[in-house]
Amino acid sequence: MAIDIFETRTLFGAINEGRFGARSYFRDRFFNRIKTFVTENIDFDLKDAQGRKLAPFVNPRIGGQVVNRLGFHTETYKVPLVAPEMVTTADELMKRMAGESIYGGKTPEQRGLEIAQDNMLELEKMITRREEAMCAQALFEGKINVKGEGVDDVVDFWASLKPADKPTATSATYWDDASVDGQKIMEEIRKYSRERVKKSGFKPREIFVGSKVIDVLIPKLSEKELLNGRRVDLGEIRPQELPDGLHYWGYLRDAGIDIYSYDEYYENADGDMVPMVPENKVLFAASEVETTMAYGAVCIADKPKNMMEWYAARRVPHSYIQERPAARIIQLNARPLPIINQVQGFSVLQPLA
């Protein structure tokens, strides 16, 4: 029996074998525990800060003493659907493609296959960028704004926290003030890092610095010779092997923290370029924080079979034909939701206005 290359199960193979180039450092670094669900709604646990209680002493004649487990609460959320699609009309199939020989042209069917592959690649990049933007928003704002056609919602990981417990703060004196030198900046980083250990139980090991902050931070730290580049010299960090857009600046020995910047952007609904890392903020990150990259189930209408099919997968491709004008639609579906299960694990400092 002939295989329909545009059938969903066949397109899955193209997705799995493809090599996609959109940057996704935050997603791959901090949300690498992937979980797919067989439903649109997912349940996830948000846990309290790490426990710091000591085991109690007891008299052996009395026996053990009951202690409380760490607290948590469960949230239920209908994962938003992203479903970008591209249209290939019959007219496009008749025209020579870029790079195609003028004299030894391809058939419309051959062009259709190549166009479909290119479309799938571009759609995958768009979804990856959406996921990366969702991860960045969760890390820096503690929430994800889900706004689009027919949907306007917020996933707020900090909603249950008291204002004083939210892992975000503003510097008492901004770092670009003339009175603030590299030594004072280093002391504030060390102090803030220590506070995070006390409140959350997690020791920040890395900071990701916005573009305006890095322009202030590096000259002042360098002036006081506080940046240590030995990790590069020893080969522990190889700049040439870092993902595109990620730059390593050095190690703050007194605070035990590596400094990075991440130059990546996305285009918002207004056409403006928005940085993944807010220009005036610093993210304090610990690698052992529990997170999840969750994917809800996607429903596809299979017209030839006259039935609805559900898929639990990161990406669900779909293709169909429209009659007027004659065209093939290539669609890529996903229901992604990055989750910070331990809400105190990441924290944000705003050192500039």
Protein backbone atom coordinates (compact mmCIF):
# COMPACT_ATOMS: atom_id res chain seq x y z
CA MET A 1 0.00 0.00 0.00
CA ALA A 2 1.34 3.45 -0.93
CA ILE A 3 2.44 5.67 1.95
CA ASP A 4 0.89 9.11 2.20
CA ILE A 5 3.80 11.35 3.15
CA PHE A 6 1.39 14.03 4.37
CA GLU A 7 -0.36 11.72 6.82
CA THR A 8 0.19 12.74 10.45
CA ARG A 9 2.01 9.53 11.43
CA THR A 10 4.39 9.96 8.48
CA LEU A 11 5.04 13.61 9.23
CA PHE A 12 6.05 12.64 12.77
CA GLY A 13 9.12 10.99 11.25
CA ALA A 14 10.11 14.20 9.50
CA ILE A 15 9.80 16.12 12.78
CA ASN A 16 11.91 13.62 14.72
CA GLU A 17 14.62 13.50 12.07
CA GLY A 18 14.79 17.24 11.44
CA ARG A 19 17.55 19.52 12.64
CA PHE A 20 16.11 22.78 13.82
CA GLY A 21 18.11 25.93 14.45
CA ALA A 22 16.10 28.21 16.76
CA ARG A 23 17.93 29.14 19.96
CA SER A 24 16.49 27.56 23.08
CA TYR A 25 19.08 27.84 25.84
CA PHE A 26 16.74 28.56 28.77
CA ARG A 27 14.39 25.77 27.76
CA ASP A 28 17.14 23.19 27.26
CA ARG A 29 19.17 24.26 30.31
CA PHE A 30 16.54 24.79 32.97
CA PHE A 31 13.44 22.95 31.71
CA ASN A 32 14.95 19.70 30.45
CA ARG A 33 12.63 17.33 32.33
CA ILE A 34 9.99 16.67 29.67
CA LYS A 35 6.56 15.25 30.44
CA THR A 36 3.73 14.72 27.96
CA PHE A 37 0.10 14.39 29.00
CA VAL A 38 -2.81 12.58 27.37
CA THR A 39 -5.20 15.42 28.29
CA GLU A 40 -5.47 19.14 27.51
CA ASN A 41 -5.59 19.93 31.24
CA ILE A 42 -2.54 19.14 33.34
CA ASP A 43 -2.01 19.01 37.10
CA PHE A 44 1.29 20.16 38.57
CA ASP A 45 2.66 20.66 42.07
CA LEU A 46 4.21 23.90 43.30
CA LYS A 47 6.45 23.19 46.27
CA ASP A 48 7.48 25.30 49.24
CA ALA A 49 11.07 26.32 49.91
CA GLN A 50 13.55 23.65 50.93
CA GLY A 51 13.10 22.49 54.54
CA ARG A 52 15.82 23.51 57.01
CA LYS A 53 14.65 21.78 60.19
CA LEU A 54 16.99 19.63 62.24
CA ALA A 55 16.12 16.06 63.13
CA PRO A 56 14.77 16.13 66.71
CA PHE A 57 16.54 14.48 69.66
CA VAL A 58 14.35 11.99 71.51
CA ASN A 59 14.66 9.75 74.53
CA PRO A 60 15.01 6.14 73.30
CA ARG A 61 12.30 5.09 75.77
CA ILE A 62 9.84 7.45 74.09
CA GLY A 63 10.51 6.51 70.47
CA GLY A 64 10.31 8.65 67.33
CA GLN A 65 8.84 12.12 66.90
CA VAL A 66 6.53 12.99 64.01
CA VAL A 67 7.81 15.72 61.67
CA ASN A 68 5.91 17.52 58.92
CA ARG A 69 6.55 17.00 55.23
CA LEU A 70 7.39 19.93 52.98
CA GLY A 71 4.26 21.76 51.87
CA PHE A 72 2.97 21.97 48.32
CA HIS A 73 -0.21 22.77 46.44
CA THR A 74 -1.53 21.50 43.14
CA GLU A 75 -2.59 23.65 40.22
CA THR A 76 -4.68 22.61 37.22
CA TYR A 77 -4.30 24.40 33.92
CA LYS A 78 -5.53 23.92 30.38
CA VAL A 79 -2.34 24.15 28.38
CA PRO A 80 -2.50 26.78 25.61
CA LEU A 81 -2.36 25.59 22.01
CA VAL A 82 0.09 27.00 19.50
CA ALA A 83 -0.72 26.00 15.93
CA PRO A 84 1.13 27.99 13.27
CA GLU A 85 0.45 26.93 9.70
CA MET A 86 1.65 27.76 6.21
CA VAL A 87 -0.20 27.63 2.91
CA THR A 88 1.25 26.40 -0.40
CA THR A 89 -0.94 27.28 -3.37
CA ALA A 90 -1.07 25.48 -6.70
CA ASP A 91 0.51 28.51 -8.38
CA GLU A 92 3.59 28.22 -6.18
CA LEU A 93 4.08 24.62 -7.22
CA MET A 94 4.35 25.69 -10.84
CA LYS A 95 7.07 28.31 -10.24
CA ARG A 96 10.80 27.68 -10.11
CA MET A 97 12.16 27.68 -6.55
CA ALA A 98 15.19 29.67 -5.43
CA GLY A 99 18.34 27.79 -6.45
CA GLU A 100 16.49 25.50 -8.84
CA SER A 101 18.01 25.00 -12.29
CA ILE A 102 16.37 27.10 -14.97
CA TYR A 103 16.63 24.32 -17.54
CA GLY A 104 16.20 21.09 -15.55
CA GLY A 105 13.16 22.05 -13.54
CA LYS A 106 11.39 19.94 -10.96
CA THR A 107 7.87 18.61 -11.11
CA PRO A 108 5.12 20.29 -9.06
CA GLU A 109 5.06 17.21 -6.81
CA GLN A 110 8.80 17.47 -6.10
CA ARG A 111 8.48 21.17 -5.36
CA GLY A 112 5.55 20.44 -3.07
CA LEU A 113 7.62 18.05 -0.97
CA GLU A 114 10.52 20.49 -0.63
CA ILE A 115 8.22 23.40 0.20
CA ALA A 116 6.48 21.26 2.84
CA GLN A 117 9.83 20.42 4.44
CA ASP A 118 10.88 24.08 4.48
CA ASN A 119 7.53 25.08 5.96
CA MET A 120 7.82 22.46 8.70
CA LEU A 121 11.28 23.74 9.55
CA GLU A 122 10.08 27.34 9.87
CA LEU A 123 7.04 26.35 11.94
CA GLU A 124 9.26 24.37 14.32
CA LYS A 125 11.52 27.40 14.78
CA MET A 126 8.51 29.57 15.60
CA ILE A 127 7.25 27.15 18.25
CA THR A 128 10.74 26.81 19.75
CA ARG A 129 10.99 30.60 20.02
CA ARG A 130 7.59 30.67 21.71
CA GLU A 131 8.76 28.07 24.21
CA GLU A 132 11.97 29.97 24.88
CA ALA A 133 10.02 33.20 25.46
CA MET A 134 7.66 31.36 27.85
CA CYS A 135 10.65 29.97 29.78
CA ALA A 136 12.29 33.40 29.99
CA GLN A 137 9.08 34.99 31.25
CA ALA A 138 8.63 32.27 33.88
CA LEU A 139 12.21 32.75 35.09
CA PHE A 140 12.25 36.56 35.20
CA GLU A 141 8.63 37.34 36.10
CA GLY A 142 7.38 34.22 37.84
CA LYS A 143 4.47 34.02 35.42
CA ILE A 144 3.57 33.38 31.79
CA ASN A 145 1.17 35.63 29.89
CA VAL A 146 -0.93 33.57 27.50
CA LYS A 147 -2.52 36.03 25.11
CA GLY A 148 -3.66 35.47 21.54
CA GLU A 149 -6.67 34.97 19.36
CA GLY A 150 -9.48 33.79 21.65
CA VAL A 151 -7.24 33.36 24.70
CA ASP A 152 -6.15 35.78 27.45
CA ASP A 153 -4.78 34.13 30.59
CA VAL A 154 -1.90 34.17 33.06
CA VAL A 155 -0.03 31.26 34.64
CA ASP A 156 1.31 32.79 37.87
CA PHE A 157 3.81 30.66 39.79
CA TRP A 158 4.22 33.34 42.49
CA ALA A 159 0.48 33.89 43.04
CA SER A 160 0.38 32.04 46.37
CA LEU A 161 3.47 33.83 47.77
CA LYS A 162 3.28 36.79 50.09
CA PRO A 163 4.86 39.95 48.60
CA ALA A 164 7.84 39.64 50.95
CA ASP A 165 8.41 36.02 49.89
CA LYS A 166 8.45 36.60 46.15
CA PRO A 167 11.97 35.91 44.78
CA THR A 168 12.56 39.35 43.33
CA ALA A 169 14.22 42.51 44.64
CA THR A 170 15.44 45.94 43.56
CA SER A 171 18.88 47.32 44.46
CA ALA A 172 18.88 50.01 47.11
CA THR A 173 21.38 51.94 44.99
CA TYR A 174 21.50 51.31 41.26
CA TRP A 175 24.74 49.94 39.91
CA ASP A 176 25.20 52.72 37.35
CA ASP A 177 25.37 55.32 40.14
CA ALA A 178 28.79 56.98 40.32
CA SER A 179 29.08 56.10 44.02
CA VAL A 180 28.77 52.35 43.31
CA ASP A 181 32.03 50.63 42.37
CA GLY A 182 32.82 47.03 41.53
CA GLN A 183 33.49 46.14 45.15
CA LYS A 184 30.03 47.31 46.24
CA ILE A 185 28.41 45.43 43.35
CA MET A 186 30.25 42.25 44.28
CA GLU A 187 29.19 42.67 47.91
CA GLU A 188 25.54 43.06 46.89
CA ILE A 189 25.70 39.96 44.70
CA ARG A 190 27.23 38.01 47.55
CA LYS A 191 24.65 39.33 50.03
CA TYR A 192 21.71 38.62 47.73
CA SER A 193 23.03 35.14 46.97
CA ARG A 194 23.32 34.43 50.70
CA GLU A 195 19.74 35.62 51.25
CA ARG A 196 18.53 33.26 48.54
CA VAL A 197 20.26 30.32 50.23
CA LYS A 198 18.55 31.27 53.49
CA LYS A 199 15.08 31.65 51.96
CA SER A 200 15.04 28.90 49.36
CA GLY A 201 17.72 26.40 50.31
CA PHE A 202 19.30 26.74 46.85
CA LYS A 203 22.73 28.24 46.25
CA PRO A 204 22.81 30.33 43.05
CA ARG A 205 25.69 29.19 40.86
CA GLU A 206 25.07 31.37 37.78
CA ILE A 207 23.71 34.79 36.97
CA PHE A 208 22.30 35.85 33.60
CA VAL A 209 22.65 39.57 33.08
CA GLY A 210 20.67 41.93 30.85
CA SER A 211 22.44 43.97 28.16
CA LYS A 212 22.29 47.31 29.99
CA VAL A 213 23.44 45.71 33.24
CA ILE A 214 26.39 43.93 31.63
CA ASP A 215 27.61 47.23 30.12
CA VAL A 216 27.80 48.66 33.66
CA LEU A 217 28.85 45.51 35.49
CA ILE A 218 31.89 44.32 33.54
CA PRO A 219 33.87 47.59 33.48
CA LYS A 220 33.35 48.11 37.22
CA LEU A 221 34.27 44.54 38.17
CA SER A 222 37.28 44.59 35.84
CA GLU A 223 38.50 47.86 37.30
CA LYS A 224 38.68 46.22 40.73
CA GLU A 225 40.10 42.99 39.24
CA LEU A 226 37.22 40.97 40.66
CA LEU A 227 36.51 38.87 37.57
CA ASN A 228 38.36 35.57 37.38
CA GLY A 229 38.85 33.96 33.97
CA ARG A 230 40.64 30.85 35.19
CA ARG A 231 37.74 28.54 34.32
CA VAL A 232 38.31 29.42 30.68
CA ASP A 233 42.07 29.07 31.01
CA LEU A 234 41.68 25.62 32.57
CA GLY A 235 39.27 24.50 29.87
CA GLU A 236 36.33 24.02 32.25
CA ILE A 237 34.37 26.46 30.11
CA ARG A 238 35.05 26.63 26.38
CA PRO A 239 33.53 29.80 24.90
CA GLN A 240 33.55 28.32 21.39
CA GLU A 241 31.29 25.50 22.59
CA LEU A 242 28.67 27.70 24.21
CA PRO A 243 25.29 27.93 22.44
CA ASP A 244 24.78 30.83 20.03
CA GLY A 245 23.94 34.04 21.85
CA LEU A 246 25.39 32.91 25.19
CA HIS A 247 28.54 34.69 26.40
CA TYR A 248 30.63 33.80 29.46
CA TRP A 249 32.21 36.78 31.23
CA GLY A 250 33.98 35.21 34.18
CA TYR A 251 33.76 33.90 37.72
CA LEU A 252 33.12 35.90 40.87
CA ARG A 253 35.20 33.93 43.34
CA ASP A 254 33.97 35.78 46.44
CA ALA A 255 30.35 34.95 45.58
CA GLY A 256 30.99 31.59 43.91
CA ILE A 257 29.02 32.64 40.80
CA ASP A 258 29.59 32.49 37.04
CA ILE A 259 28.43 35.47 34.98
CA TYR A 260 26.68 35.06 31.60
CA SER A 261 24.82 37.22 29.14
CA TYR A 262 22.35 35.83 26.62
CA ASP A 263 21.77 37.85 23.46
CA GLU A 264 18.57 36.45 22.00
CA TYR A 265 15.37 38.22 20.98
CA TYR A 266 11.86 37.53 19.79
CA GLU A 267 9.41 39.62 17.81
CA ASN A 268 6.22 40.53 19.67
CA ALA A 269 2.73 41.14 18.24
CA ASP A 270 3.59 44.81 17.58
CA GLY A 271 6.68 43.90 15.57
CA ASP A 272 9.12 45.05 18.27
CA MET A 273 12.22 43.03 19.11
CA VAL A 274 12.13 41.97 22.76
CA PRO A 275 15.20 40.57 24.57
CA MET A 276 14.83 37.18 26.26
CA VAL A 277 16.79 38.62 29.19
CA PRO A 278 15.27 41.95 30.32
CA GLU A 279 17.88 44.66 29.83
CA ASN A 280 17.84 45.90 33.44
CA LYS A 281 17.59 42.61 35.35
CA VAL A 282 19.76 39.78 36.65
CA LEU A 283 18.62 36.17 37.06
CA PHE A 284 20.16 34.13 39.89
CA ALA A 285 19.95 30.45 38.94
CA ALA A 286 20.61 27.14 40.67
CA SER A 287 20.87 24.06 38.47
CA GLU A 288 19.21 21.62 40.91
CA VAL A 289 15.82 23.39 40.99
CA GLU A 290 12.94 21.08 40.04
CA THR A 291 11.20 22.16 36.84
CA THR A 292 9.10 20.53 34.12
CA MET A 293 8.57 21.15 30.43
CA ALA A 294 5.01 19.90 30.11
CA TYR A 295 3.05 19.23 26.92
CA GLY A 296 -0.70 18.78 26.79
CA ALA A 297 -2.44 16.50 24.32
CA VAL A 298 -3.30 17.77 20.83
CA CYS A 299 -6.47 16.82 18.95
CA ILE A 300 -6.33 16.40 15.16
CA ALA A 301 -9.39 15.98 12.95
CA ASP A 302 -8.72 13.15 10.50
CA LYS A 303 -11.24 13.77 7.71
CA PRO A 304 -10.48 10.61 5.64
CA LYS A 305 -11.12 8.48 8.75
CA ASN A 306 -13.98 10.72 9.87
CA MET A 307 -12.67 10.76 13.43
CA MET A 308 -10.80 12.83 16.04
CA GLU A 309 -7.36 11.61 17.07
CA TRP A 310 -5.45 12.66 20.21
CA TYR A 311 -1.66 12.78 20.41
CA ALA A 312 0.53 13.09 23.51
CA ALA A 313 3.69 14.56 21.99
CA ARG A 314 5.88 17.67 21.96
CA ARG A 315 4.97 18.40 18.34
CA VAL A 316 2.00 17.18 16.34
CA PRO A 317 2.16 17.83 12.57
CA HIS A 318 -0.95 18.00 10.42
CA SER A 319 -1.57 18.57 6.72
CA TYR A 320 -4.74 18.98 4.71
CA ILE A 321 -6.01 20.27 1.37
CA GLN A 322 -8.27 23.25 0.80
CA GLU A 323 -10.32 23.51 -2.39
CA ARG A 324 -10.61 27.24 -3.11
CA PRO A 325 -8.03 28.40 -3.85
CA ALA A 326 -6.37 25.03 -4.33
CA ALA A 327 -3.65 24.75 -1.70
CA ARG A 328 -1.99 22.46 0.82
CA ILE A 329 -1.85 23.51 4.46
CA ILE A 330 1.06 22.44 6.65
CA GLN A 331 0.33 22.92 10.36
CA LEU A 332 2.44 22.19 13.43
CA ASN A 333 0.71 21.93 16.80
CA ALA A 334 2.01 21.99 20.37
CA ARG A 335 0.69 22.62 23.88
CA PRO A 336 3.84 23.66 25.80
CA LEU A 337 3.97 24.83 29.41
CA PRO A 338 7.25 25.39 31.29
CA ILE A 339 6.69 24.87 35.03
CA ILE A 340 8.88 25.97 37.94
CA ASN A 341 7.86 23.39 40.54
CA GLN A 342 10.10 24.87 43.25
CA VAL A 343 9.04 28.48 42.96
CA GLN A 344 11.82 29.87 45.15
CA GLY A 345 14.56 28.20 43.12
CA PHE A 346 15.16 31.13 40.76
CA SER A 347 15.34 34.77 41.80
CA VAL A 348 15.62 38.14 40.09
CA LEU A 349 17.47 41.29 41.04
CA GLN A 350 16.85 44.64 39.33
CA PRO A 351 20.06 46.70 39.70
CA LEU A 352 19.12 49.41 37.16
CA ALA A 353 16.08 51.64 36.80
